[in-house]
Amino acid sequence: TRSASLMLRKLGLSLYLACLGLDAGKDFLETVVRPEGMLWVGLGF
């Protein structure tokens, strides 16, 4: 069903993004404040 498909897509993406952010958050600020950190962030953007 369309509603079931939409819910499964939203649920799957929510789980993925929550875990992805939680894993990236622990080292994010430490890496950014390194001398080359801000340069890397700007170049990546």
PDB file of all heavy atoms in Angstrom:
ATOM      1  N   THR A   1       0.829  -1.193   0.000  1.00  0.00           N
ATOM      2  CA  THR A   1       0.000   0.000   0.000  1.00  0.00           C
ATOM      3  C   THR A   1       0.872   1.255   0.000  1.00  0.00           C
ATOM      4  O   THR A   1       1.987   1.256   0.530  1.00  0.00           O
ATOM      5  CB  THR A   1      -0.915   0.029   1.235  1.00  0.00           C
ATOM      6  OG1 THR A   1      -0.101   0.017   2.417  1.00  0.00           O
ATOM      7  CG2 THR A   1      -1.827  -1.177   1.259  1.00  0.00           C
ATOM      8  N   ARG A   2       0.343   2.313  -0.593  1.00  0.00           N
ATOM      9  CA  ARG A   2       1.107   3.559  -0.693  1.00  0.00           C
ATOM     10  C   ARG A   2       1.486   4.085   0.692  1.00  0.00           C
ATOM     11  O   ARG A   2       2.608   4.547   0.909  1.00  0.00           O
ATOM     12  CB  ARG A   2       0.283   4.599  -1.451  1.00  0.00           C
ATOM     13  CG  ARG A   2       1.000   5.917  -1.684  1.00  0.00           C
ATOM     14  CD  ARG A   2       0.114   6.867  -2.465  1.00  0.00           C
ATOM     15  NE  ARG A   2      -0.092   6.388  -3.809  1.00  0.00           N
ATOM     16  CZ  ARG A   2       0.688   6.718  -4.834  1.00  0.00           C
ATOM     17  NH1 ARG A   2       1.740   7.498  -4.647  1.00  0.00           N
ATOM     18  NH2 ARG A   2       0.426   6.269  -6.042  1.00  0.00           N
ATOM     19  N   SER A   3       0.545   4.013   1.645  1.00  0.00           N
ATOM     20  CA  SER A   3       0.832   4.529   2.981  1.00  0.00           C
ATOM     21  C   SER A   3       1.899   3.696   3.682  1.00  0.00           C
ATOM     22  O   SER A   3       2.788   4.240   4.351  1.00  0.00           O
ATOM     23  CB  SER A   3      -0.454   4.548   3.820  1.00  0.00           C
ATOM     24  OG  SER A   3      -1.010   3.245   3.905  1.00  0.00           O
ATOM     25  N   ALA A   4       1.838   2.359   3.501  1.00  0.00           N
ATOM     26  CA  ALA A   4       2.847   1.500   4.124  1.00  0.00           C
ATOM     27  C   ALA A   4       4.216   1.735   3.515  1.00  0.00           C
ATOM     28  O   ALA A   4       5.227   1.784   4.227  1.00  0.00           O
ATOM     29  CB  ALA A   4       2.451   0.028   3.971  1.00  0.00           C
ATOM     30  N   SER A   5       4.264   1.899   2.193  1.00  0.00           N
ATOM     31  CA  SER A   5       5.541   2.160   1.529  1.00  0.00           C
ATOM     32  C   SER A   5       6.145   3.477   1.997  1.00  0.00           C
ATOM     33  O   SER A   5       7.346   3.567   2.261  1.00  0.00           O
ATOM     34  CB  SER A   5       5.339   2.176   0.009  1.00  0.00           C
ATOM     35  OG  SER A   5       6.535   2.509  -0.653  1.00  0.00           O
ATOM     36  N   LEU A   6       5.303   4.512   2.106  1.00  0.00           N
ATOM     37  CA  LEU A   6       5.785   5.820   2.561  1.00  0.00           C
ATOM     38  C   LEU A   6       6.302   5.742   3.993  1.00  0.00           C
ATOM     39  O   LEU A   6       7.356   6.298   4.319  1.00  0.00           O
ATOM     40  CB  LEU A   6       4.663   6.853   2.462  1.00  0.00           C
ATOM     41  CG  LEU A   6       5.010   8.275   2.919  1.00  0.00           C
ATOM     42  CD1 LEU A   6       6.130   8.856   2.076  1.00  0.00           C
ATOM     43  CD2 LEU A   6       3.770   9.168   2.862  1.00  0.00           C
ATOM     44  N   MET A   7       5.585   5.015   4.849  1.00  0.00           N
ATOM     45  CA  MET A   7       6.022   4.903   6.246  1.00  0.00           C
ATOM     46  C   MET A   7       7.337   4.155   6.360  1.00  0.00           C
ATOM     47  O   MET A   7       8.229   4.560   7.130  1.00  0.00           O
ATOM     48  CB  MET A   7       4.942   4.191   7.068  1.00  0.00           C
ATOM     49  CG  MET A   7       5.328   4.055   8.545  1.00  0.00           C
ATOM     50  SD  MET A   7       4.034   3.337   9.547  1.00  0.00           S
ATOM     51  CE  MET A   7       4.846   3.337  11.158  1.00  0.00           C
ATOM     52  N   LEU A   8       7.494   3.070   5.603  1.00  0.00           N
ATOM     53  CA  LEU A   8       8.736   2.309   5.656  1.00  0.00           C
ATOM     54  C   LEU A   8       9.914   3.141   5.157  1.00  0.00           C
ATOM     55  O   LEU A   8      11.015   3.067   5.715  1.00  0.00           O
ATOM     56  CB  LEU A   8       8.604   1.028   4.833  1.00  0.00           C
ATOM     57  CG  LEU A   8       7.699  -0.058   5.422  1.00  0.00           C
ATOM     58  CD1 LEU A   8       7.537  -1.207   4.445  1.00  0.00           C
ATOM     59  CD2 LEU A   8       8.244  -0.553   6.756  1.00  0.00           C
ATOM     60  N   ARG A   9       9.692   3.940   4.092  1.00  0.00           N
ATOM     61  CA  ARG A   9      10.780   4.800   3.591  1.00  0.00           C
ATOM     62  C   ARG A   9      11.164   5.844   4.633  1.00  0.00           C
ATOM     63  O   ARG A   9      12.348   6.091   4.873  1.00  0.00           O
ATOM     64  CB  ARG A   9      10.360   5.475   2.281  1.00  0.00           C
ATOM     65  CG  ARG A   9      10.147   4.525   1.133  1.00  0.00           C
ATOM     66  CD  ARG A   9      10.242   5.219  -0.212  1.00  0.00           C
ATOM     67  NE  ARG A   9       9.392   6.380  -0.323  1.00  0.00           N
ATOM     68  CZ  ARG A   9       8.132   6.355  -0.756  1.00  0.00           C
ATOM     69  NH1 ARG A   9       7.567   5.205  -1.077  1.00  0.00           N
ATOM     70  NH2 ARG A   9       7.428   7.458  -0.859  1.00  0.00           N
ATOM     71  N   LYS A  10      10.164   6.474   5.244  1.00  0.00           N
ATOM     72  CA  LYS A  10      10.442   7.501   6.254  1.00  0.00           C
ATOM     73  C   LYS A  10      11.114   6.895   7.477  1.00  0.00           C
ATOM     74  O   LYS A  10      12.052   7.469   8.043  1.00  0.00           O
ATOM     75  CB  LYS A  10       9.137   8.191   6.668  1.00  0.00           C
ATOM     76  CG  LYS A  10       8.508   9.053   5.588  1.00  0.00           C
ATOM     77  CD  LYS A  10       9.256  10.360   5.410  1.00  0.00           C
ATOM     78  CE  LYS A  10       8.535  11.285   4.452  1.00  0.00           C
ATOM     79  NZ  LYS A  10       9.272  12.560   4.234  1.00  0.00           N
ATOM     80  N   LEU A  11      10.635   5.730   7.896  1.00  0.00           N
ATOM     81  CA  LEU A  11      11.226   5.076   9.058  1.00  0.00           C
ATOM     82  C   LEU A  11      12.672   4.680   8.784  1.00  0.00           C
ATOM     83  O   LEU A  11      13.562   4.923   9.609  1.00  0.00           O
ATOM     84  CB  LEU A  11      10.402   3.837   9.436  1.00  0.00           C
ATOM     85  CG  LEU A  11      10.954   2.959  10.568  1.00  0.00           C
ATOM     86  CD1 LEU A  11      11.026   3.751  11.874  1.00  0.00           C
ATOM     87  CD2 LEU A  11      10.106   1.709  10.747  1.00  0.00           C
ATOM     88  N   GLY A  12      12.917   4.066   7.631  1.00  0.00           N
ATOM     89  CA  GLY A  12      14.274   3.655   7.290  1.00  0.00           C
ATOM     90  C   GLY A  12      15.232   4.828   7.217  1.00  0.00           C
ATOM     91  O   GLY A  12      16.343   4.766   7.767  1.00  0.00           O
ATOM     92  N   LEU A  13      14.798   5.917   6.561  1.00  0.00           N
ATOM     93  CA  LEU A  13      15.673   7.081   6.435  1.00  0.00           C
ATOM     94  C   LEU A  13      15.910   7.746   7.786  1.00  0.00           C
ATOM     95  O   LEU A  13      17.019   8.204   8.076  1.00  0.00           O
ATOM     96  CB  LEU A  13      15.061   8.079   5.441  1.00  0.00           C
ATOM     97  CG  LEU A  13      15.919   9.289   5.101  1.00  0.00           C
ATOM     98  CD1 LEU A  13      17.257   8.862   4.502  1.00  0.00           C
ATOM     99  CD2 LEU A  13      15.181  10.222   4.139  1.00  0.00           C
ATOM    100  N   SER A  14      14.881   7.795   8.639  1.00  0.00           N
ATOM    101  CA  SER A  14      15.042   8.392   9.977  1.00  0.00           C
ATOM    102  C   SER A  14      16.051   7.605  10.800  1.00  0.00           C
ATOM    103  O   SER A  14      16.920   8.190  11.464  1.00  0.00           O
ATOM    104  CB  SER A  14      13.693   8.434  10.692  1.00  0.00           C
ATOM    105  OG  SER A  14      12.764   9.246  10.013  1.00  0.00           O
ATOM    106  N   LEU A  15      15.958   6.279  10.774  1.00  0.00           N
ATOM    107  CA  LEU A  15      16.921   5.457  11.513  1.00  0.00           C
ATOM    108  C   LEU A  15      18.339   5.668  10.989  1.00  0.00           C
ATOM    109  O   LEU A  15      19.295   5.799  11.769  1.00  0.00           O
ATOM    110  CB  LEU A  15      16.532   3.979  11.395  1.00  0.00           C
ATOM    111  CG  LEU A  15      15.251   3.534  12.113  1.00  0.00           C
ATOM    112  CD1 LEU A  15      14.909   2.099  11.740  1.00  0.00           C
ATOM    113  CD2 LEU A  15      15.400   3.666  13.624  1.00  0.00           C
ATOM    114  N   TYR A  16      18.471   5.706   9.676  1.00  0.00           N
ATOM    115  CA  TYR A  16      19.793   5.885   9.068  1.00  0.00           C
ATOM    116  C   TYR A  16      20.409   7.228   9.453  1.00  0.00           C
ATOM    117  O   TYR A  16      21.566   7.301   9.867  1.00  0.00           O
ATOM    118  CB  TYR A  16      19.666   5.765   7.551  1.00  0.00           C
ATOM    119  CG  TYR A  16      20.895   6.178   6.781  1.00  0.00           C
ATOM    120  CD1 TYR A  16      22.081   5.455   6.865  1.00  0.00           C
ATOM    121  CD2 TYR A  16      20.874   7.309   5.964  1.00  0.00           C
ATOM    122  CE1 TYR A  16      23.211   5.840   6.161  1.00  0.00           C
ATOM    123  CE2 TYR A  16      21.993   7.693   5.248  1.00  0.00           C
ATOM    124  CZ  TYR A  16      23.158   6.959   5.347  1.00  0.00           C
ATOM    125  OH  TYR A  16      24.275   7.351   4.651  1.00  0.00           O
ATOM    126  N   LEU A  17      19.631   8.295   9.360  1.00  0.00           N
ATOM    127  CA  LEU A  17      20.161   9.631   9.641  1.00  0.00           C
ATOM    128  C   LEU A  17      20.473   9.794  11.127  1.00  0.00           C
ATOM    129  O   LEU A  17      21.466  10.445  11.479  1.00  0.00           O
ATOM    130  CB  LEU A  17      19.153  10.695   9.189  1.00  0.00           C
ATOM    131  CG  LEU A  17      18.918  10.791   7.682  1.00  0.00           C
ATOM    132  CD1 LEU A  17      17.848  11.831   7.381  1.00  0.00           C
ATOM    133  CD2 LEU A  17      20.209  11.139   6.957  1.00  0.00           C
ATOM    134  N   ALA A  18      19.641   9.233  11.991  1.00  0.00           N
ATOM    135  CA  ALA A  18      19.903   9.343  13.424  1.00  0.00           C
ATOM    136  C   ALA A  18      21.219   8.664  13.788  1.00  0.00           C
ATOM    137  O   ALA A  18      22.043   9.223  14.532  1.00  0.00           O
ATOM    138  CB  ALA A  18      18.741   8.727  14.206  1.00  0.00           C
ATOM    139  N   CYS A  19      21.436   7.467  13.266  1.00  0.00           N
ATOM    140  CA  CYS A  19      22.679   6.740  13.564  1.00  0.00           C
ATOM    141  C   CYS A  19      23.885   7.414  12.916  1.00  0.00           C
ATOM    142  O   CYS A  19      24.967   7.490  13.517  1.00  0.00           O
ATOM    143  CB  CYS A  19      22.561   5.298  13.075  1.00  0.00           C
ATOM    144  SG  CYS A  19      21.309   4.334  13.938  1.00  0.00           S
ATOM    145  N   LEU A  20      23.701   7.893  11.698  1.00  0.00           N
ATOM    146  CA  LEU A  20      24.799   8.560  10.996  1.00  0.00           C
ATOM    147  C   LEU A  20      25.245   9.811  11.750  1.00  0.00           C
ATOM    148  O   LEU A  20      26.442  10.056  11.944  1.00  0.00           O
ATOM    149  CB  LEU A  20      24.356   8.924   9.578  1.00  0.00           C
ATOM    150  CG  LEU A  20      25.433   9.359   8.586  1.00  0.00           C
ATOM    151  CD1 LEU A  20      26.374   8.207   8.279  1.00  0.00           C
ATOM    152  CD2 LEU A  20      24.785   9.856   7.299  1.00  0.00           C
ATOM    153  N   GLY A  21      24.277  10.603  12.194  1.00  0.00           N
ATOM    154  CA  GLY A  21      24.613  11.812  12.946  1.00  0.00           C
ATOM    155  C   GLY A  21      25.233  11.516  14.291  1.00  0.00           C
ATOM    156  O   GLY A  21      26.202  12.157  14.702  1.00  0.00           O
ATOM    157  N   LEU A  22      24.692  10.499  14.985  1.00  0.00           N
ATOM    158  CA  LEU A  22      25.228  10.137  16.301  1.00  0.00           C
ATOM    159  C   LEU A  22      26.666   9.664  16.194  1.00  0.00           C
ATOM    160  O   LEU A  22      27.514  10.006  17.034  1.00  0.00           O
ATOM    161  CB  LEU A  22      24.354   9.031  16.905  1.00  0.00           C
ATOM    162  CG  LEU A  22      24.637   8.632  18.351  1.00  0.00           C
ATOM    163  CD1 LEU A  22      24.399   9.813  19.292  1.00  0.00           C
ATOM    164  CD2 LEU A  22      23.770   7.449  18.754  1.00  0.00           C
ATOM    165  N   ASP A  23      26.981   8.927  15.135  1.00  0.00           N
ATOM    166  CA  ASP A  23      28.345   8.430  14.948  1.00  0.00           C
ATOM    167  C   ASP A  23      29.301   9.552  14.569  1.00  0.00           C
ATOM    168  O   ASP A  23      30.450   9.590  15.028  1.00  0.00           O
ATOM    169  CB  ASP A  23      28.335   7.354  13.856  1.00  0.00           C
ATOM    170  CG  ASP A  23      29.679   6.656  13.730  1.00  0.00           C
ATOM    171  OD1 ASP A  23      30.287   6.335  14.768  1.00  0.00           O
ATOM    172  OD2 ASP A  23      30.127   6.440  12.594  1.00  0.00           O
ATOM    173  N   ALA A  24      28.840  10.496  13.745  1.00  0.00           N
ATOM    174  CA  ALA A  24      29.705  11.600  13.296  1.00  0.00           C
ATOM    175  C   ALA A  24      29.889  12.658  14.381  1.00  0.00           C
ATOM    176  O   ALA A  24      30.909  13.349  14.419  1.00  0.00           O
ATOM    177  CB  ALA A  24      29.132  12.239  12.038  1.00  0.00           C
ATOM    178  N   GLY A  25      28.917  12.789  15.288  1.00  0.00           N
ATOM    179  CA  GLY A  25      28.944  13.885  16.254  1.00  0.00           C
ATOM    180  C   GLY A  25      30.036  13.785  17.287  1.00  0.00           C
ATOM    181  O   GLY A  25      30.542  14.810  17.774  1.00  0.00           O
ATOM    182  N   LYS A  26      30.479  12.567  17.620  1.00  0.00           N
ATOM    183  CA  LYS A  26      31.429  12.426  18.727  1.00  0.00           C
ATOM    184  C   LYS A  26      32.795  13.020  18.418  1.00  0.00           C
ATOM    185  O   LYS A  26      33.495  13.482  19.313  1.00  0.00           O
ATOM    186  CB  LYS A  26      31.561  10.944  19.121  1.00  0.00           C
ATOM    187  CG  LYS A  26      32.100  10.030  18.039  1.00  0.00           C
ATOM    188  CD  LYS A  26      32.154   8.590  18.534  1.00  0.00           C
ATOM    189  CE  LYS A  26      32.786   7.642  17.519  1.00  0.00           C
ATOM    190  NZ  LYS A  26      32.003   7.559  16.276  1.00  0.00           N
ATOM    191  N   ASP A  27      33.190  13.016  17.140  1.00  0.00           N
ATOM    192  CA  ASP A  27      34.515  13.543  16.776  1.00  0.00           C
ATOM    193  C   ASP A  27      34.437  14.798  15.915  1.00  0.00           C
ATOM    194  O   ASP A  27      35.463  15.323  15.498  1.00  0.00           O
ATOM    195  CB  ASP A  27      35.310  12.474  15.995  1.00  0.00           C
ATOM    196  CG  ASP A  27      35.554  11.233  16.827  1.00  0.00           C
ATOM    197  OD1 ASP A  27      35.799  11.383  18.035  1.00  0.00           O
ATOM    198  OD2 ASP A  27      35.483  10.123  16.262  1.00  0.00           O
ATOM    199  N   PHE A  28      33.215  15.266  15.661  1.00  0.00           N
ATOM    200  CA  PHE A  28      33.060  16.346  14.686  1.00  0.00           C
ATOM    201  C   PHE A  28      33.743  17.635  15.139  1.00  0.00           C
ATOM    202  O   PHE A  28      34.561  18.210  14.417  1.00  0.00           O
ATOM    203  CB  PHE A  28      31.573  16.598  14.430  1.00  0.00           C
ATOM    204  CG  PHE A  28      31.317  17.680  13.421  1.00  0.00           C
ATOM    205  CD1 PHE A  28      31.589  17.483  12.074  1.00  0.00           C
ATOM    206  CD2 PHE A  28      30.810  18.906  13.815  1.00  0.00           C
ATOM    207  CE1 PHE A  28      31.349  18.477  11.142  1.00  0.00           C
ATOM    208  CE2 PHE A  28      30.574  19.902  12.905  1.00  0.00           C
ATOM    209  CZ  PHE A  28      30.840  19.692  11.560  1.00  0.00           C
ATOM    210  N   LEU A  29      33.430  18.099  16.346  1.00  0.00           N
ATOM    211  CA  LEU A  29      33.966  19.374  16.798  1.00  0.00           C
ATOM    212  C   LEU A  29      35.477  19.308  16.988  1.00  0.00           C
ATOM    213  O   LEU A  29      36.200  20.253  16.634  1.00  0.00           O
ATOM    214  CB  LEU A  29      33.286  19.789  18.107  1.00  0.00           C
ATOM    215  CG  LEU A  29      33.608  21.205  18.602  1.00  0.00           C
ATOM    216  CD1 LEU A  29      33.162  22.224  17.561  1.00  0.00           C
ATOM    217  CD2 LEU A  29      32.927  21.485  19.935  1.00  0.00           C
ATOM    218  N   GLU A  30      35.990  18.188  17.513  1.00  0.00           N
ATOM    219  CA  GLU A  30      37.431  18.058  17.714  1.00  0.00           C
ATOM    220  C   GLU A  30      38.186  18.156  16.400  1.00  0.00           C
ATOM    221  O   GLU A  30      39.257  18.768  16.329  1.00  0.00           O
ATOM    222  CB  GLU A  30      37.745  16.708  18.380  1.00  0.00           C
ATOM    223  CG  GLU A  30      37.274  16.599  19.813  1.00  0.00           C
ATOM    224  CD  GLU A  30      37.639  15.256  20.410  1.00  0.00           C
ATOM    225  OE1 GLU A  30      38.441  14.528  19.771  1.00  0.00           O
ATOM    226  OE2 GLU A  30      37.143  14.930  21.499  1.00  0.00           O
ATOM    227  N   THR A  31      37.628  17.570  15.370  1.00  0.00           N
ATOM    228  CA  THR A  31      38.296  17.601  14.070  1.00  0.00           C
ATOM    229  C   THR A  31      38.226  18.987  13.444  1.00  0.00           C
ATOM    230  O   THR A  31      39.180  19.464  12.833  1.00  0.00           O
ATOM    231  CB  THR A  31      37.655  16.570  13.119  1.00  0.00           C
ATOM    232  OG1 THR A  31      37.625  15.300  13.769  1.00  0.00           O
ATOM    233  CG2 THR A  31      38.439  16.460  11.835  1.00  0.00           C
ATOM    234  N   VAL A  32      37.075  19.631  13.608  1.00  0.00           N
ATOM    235  CA  VAL A  32      36.888  20.950  12.996  1.00  0.00           C
ATOM    236  C   VAL A  32      37.854  21.972  13.587  1.00  0.00           C
ATOM    237  O   VAL A  32      38.381  22.840  12.863  1.00  0.00           O
ATOM    238  CB  VAL A  32      35.424  21.416  13.169  1.00  0.00           C
ATOM    239  CG1 VAL A  32      35.275  22.891  12.787  1.00  0.00           C
ATOM    240  CG2 VAL A  32      34.497  20.565  12.312  1.00  0.00           C
ATOM    241  N   VAL A  33      38.125  21.896  14.889  1.00  0.00           N
ATOM    242  CA  VAL A  33      38.970  22.910  15.514  1.00  0.00           C
ATOM    243  C   VAL A  33      40.453  22.665  15.255  1.00  0.00           C
ATOM    244  O   VAL A  33      41.289  23.485  15.657  1.00  0.00           O
ATOM    245  CB  VAL A  33      38.715  22.962  17.045  1.00  0.00           C
ATOM    246  CG1 VAL A  33      37.292  23.389  17.342  1.00  0.00           C
ATOM    247  CG2 VAL A  33      39.031  21.625  17.705  1.00  0.00           C
ATOM    248  N   ARG A  34      40.794  21.572  14.605  1.00  0.00           N
ATOM    249  CA  ARG A  34      42.187  21.362  14.222  1.00  0.00           C
ATOM    250  C   ARG A  34      42.592  22.418  13.201  1.00  0.00           C
ATOM    251  O   ARG A  34      41.748  23.006  12.512  1.00  0.00           O
ATOM    252  CB  ARG A  34      42.368  19.963  13.632  1.00  0.00           C
ATOM    253  CG  ARG A  34      42.182  18.844  14.643  1.00  0.00           C
ATOM    254  CD  ARG A  34      42.246  17.493  13.996  1.00  0.00           C
ATOM    255  NE  ARG A  34      43.488  17.306  13.248  1.00  0.00           N
ATOM    256  CZ  ARG A  34      43.807  16.193  12.615  1.00  0.00           C
ATOM    257  NH1 ARG A  34      42.953  15.166  12.630  1.00  0.00           N
ATOM    258  NH2 ARG A  34      44.947  16.078  11.968  1.00  0.00           N
ATOM    259  N   PRO A  35      43.901  22.701  13.036  1.00  0.00           N
ATOM    260  CA  PRO A  35      44.331  23.761  12.119  1.00  0.00           C
ATOM    261  C   PRO A  35      43.767  23.605  10.712  1.00  0.00           C
ATOM    262  O   PRO A  35      43.360  24.592  10.087  1.00  0.00           O
ATOM    263  CB  PRO A  35      45.863  23.624  12.134  1.00  0.00           C
ATOM    264  CG  PRO A  35      46.172  23.025  13.467  1.00  0.00           C
ATOM    265  CD  PRO A  35      45.026  22.122  13.782  1.00  0.00           C
ATOM    266  N   GLU A  36      43.762  22.367  10.218  1.00  0.00           N
ATOM    267  CA  GLU A  36      43.276  22.194   8.850  1.00  0.00           C
ATOM    268  C   GLU A  36      41.778  21.891   8.807  1.00  0.00           C
ATOM    269  O   GLU A  36      41.188  21.774   7.737  1.00  0.00           O
ATOM    270  CB  GLU A  36      44.039  21.047   8.163  1.00  0.00           C
ATOM    271  CG  GLU A  36      43.734  19.649   8.703  1.00  0.00           C
ATOM    272  CD  GLU A  36      44.607  19.275   9.870  1.00  0.00           C
ATOM    273  OE1 GLU A  36      45.164  20.186  10.519  1.00  0.00           O
ATOM    274  OE2 GLU A  36      44.753  18.071  10.145  1.00  0.00           O
ATOM    275  N   GLY A  37      41.150  21.781   9.987  1.00  0.00           N
ATOM    276  CA  GLY A  37      39.751  21.373  10.043  1.00  0.00           C
ATOM    277  C   GLY A  37      38.820  22.311   9.306  1.00  0.00           C
ATOM    278  O   GLY A  37      37.992  21.884   8.478  1.00  0.00           O
ATOM    279  N   MET A  38      38.889  23.626   9.585  1.00  0.00           N
ATOM    280  CA  MET A  38      38.001  24.587   8.952  1.00  0.00           C
ATOM    281  C   MET A  38      38.252  24.675   7.450  1.00  0.00           C
ATOM    282  O   MET A  38      37.311  24.865   6.659  1.00  0.00           O
ATOM    283  CB  MET A  38      38.165  25.971   9.597  1.00  0.00           C
ATOM    284  CG  MET A  38      37.644  26.060  11.020  1.00  0.00           C
ATOM    285  SD  MET A  38      35.909  25.572  11.165  1.00  0.00           S
ATOM    286  CE  MET A  38      35.130  26.820  10.156  1.00  0.00           C
ATOM    287  N   LEU A  39      39.515  24.539   7.050  1.00  0.00           N
ATOM    288  CA  LEU A  39      39.829  24.535   5.619  1.00  0.00           C
ATOM    289  C   LEU A  39      39.165  23.348   4.943  1.00  0.00           C
ATOM    290  O   LEU A  39      38.569  23.480   3.869  1.00  0.00           O
ATOM    291  CB  LEU A  39      41.342  24.484   5.414  1.00  0.00           C
ATOM    292  CG  LEU A  39      41.822  24.340   3.953  1.00  0.00           C
ATOM    293  CD1 LEU A  39      41.401  25.553   3.135  1.00  0.00           C
ATOM    294  CD2 LEU A  39      43.329  24.134   3.902  1.00  0.00           C
ATOM    295  N   TRP A  40      39.255  22.182   5.571  1.00  0.00           N
ATOM    296  CA  TRP A  40      38.629  20.984   5.007  1.00  0.00           C
ATOM    297  C   TRP A  40      37.107  21.159   4.886  1.00  0.00           C
ATOM    298  O   TRP A  40      36.513  20.802   3.867  1.00  0.00           O
ATOM    299  CB  TRP A  40      38.936  19.764   5.875  1.00  0.00           C
ATOM    300  CG  TRP A  40      40.332  19.244   5.706  1.00  0.00           C
ATOM    301  CD1 TRP A  40      41.305  19.752   4.889  1.00  0.00           C
ATOM    302  CD2 TRP A  40      40.913  18.126   6.383  1.00  0.00           C
ATOM    303  NE1 TRP A  40      42.452  19.021   5.003  1.00  0.00           N
ATOM    304  CE2 TRP A  40      42.253  18.003   5.908  1.00  0.00           C
ATOM    305  CE3 TRP A  40      40.466  17.217   7.321  1.00  0.00           C
ATOM    306  CZ2 TRP A  40      43.110  17.010   6.358  1.00  0.00           C
ATOM    307  CZ3 TRP A  40      41.316  16.224   7.776  1.00  0.00           C
ATOM    308  CH2 TRP A  40      42.629  16.124   7.301  1.00  0.00           C
ATOM    309  N   VAL A  41      36.495  21.713   5.926  1.00  0.00           N
ATOM    310  CA  VAL A  41      35.043  21.920   5.906  1.00  0.00           C
ATOM    311  C   VAL A  41      34.650  22.842   4.754  1.00  0.00           C
ATOM    312  O   VAL A  41      33.698  22.579   4.001  1.00  0.00           O
ATOM    313  CB  VAL A  41      34.553  22.485   7.253  1.00  0.00           C
ATOM    314  CG1 VAL A  41      33.094  22.921   7.158  1.00  0.00           C
ATOM    315  CG2 VAL A  41      34.716  21.462   8.357  1.00  0.00           C
ATOM    316  N   GLY A  42      35.403  23.949   4.613  1.00  0.00           N
ATOM    317  CA  GLY A  42      35.095  24.902   3.539  1.00  0.00           C
ATOM    318  C   GLY A  42      35.288  24.303   2.156  1.00  0.00           C
ATOM    319  O   GLY A  42      34.446  24.479   1.266  1.00  0.00           O
ATOM    320  N   LEU A  43      36.396  23.576   1.974  1.00  0.00           N
ATOM    321  CA  LEU A  43      36.647  22.952   0.672  1.00  0.00           C
ATOM    322  C   LEU A  43      35.589  21.889   0.352  1.00  0.00           C
ATOM    323  O   LEU A  43      35.112  21.795  -0.790  1.00  0.00           O
ATOM    324  CB  LEU A  43      38.043  22.321   0.660  1.00  0.00           C
ATOM    325  CG  LEU A  43      39.233  23.286   0.713  1.00  0.00           C
ATOM    326  CD1 LEU A  43      40.539  22.510   0.764  1.00  0.00           C
ATOM    327  CD2 LEU A  43      39.227  24.224  -0.484  1.00  0.00           C
ATOM    328  N   GLY A  44      35.230  21.108   1.364  1.00  0.00           N
ATOM    329  CA  GLY A  44      34.219  20.079   1.150  1.00  0.00           C
ATOM    330  C   GLY A  44      32.883  20.673   0.745  1.00  0.00           C
ATOM    331  O   GLY A  44      32.199  20.156  -0.147  1.00  0.00           O
ATOM    332  N   PHE A  45      32.527  21.788   1.387  1.00  0.00           N
ATOM    333  CA  PHE A  45      31.260  22.448   1.043  1.00  0.00           C
ATOM    334  C   PHE A  45      31.286  22.956  -0.396  1.00  0.00           C
ATOM    335  O   PHE A  45      30.301  22.822  -1.137  1.00  0.00           O
ATOM    336  CB  PHE A  45      31.008  23.599   2.016  1.00  0.00           C
ATOM    337  CG  PHE A  45      29.662  24.238   1.851  1.00  0.00           C
ATOM    338  CD1 PHE A  45      28.516  23.564   2.241  1.00  0.00           C
ATOM    339  CD2 PHE A  45      29.547  25.501   1.296  1.00  0.00           C
ATOM    340  CE1 PHE A  45      27.269  24.156   2.082  1.00  0.00           C
ATOM    341  CE2 PHE A  45      28.308  26.090   1.138  1.00  0.00           C
ATOM    342  CZ  PHE A  45      27.161  25.424   1.539  1.00  0.00           C
TER     343      PHE A  45
END
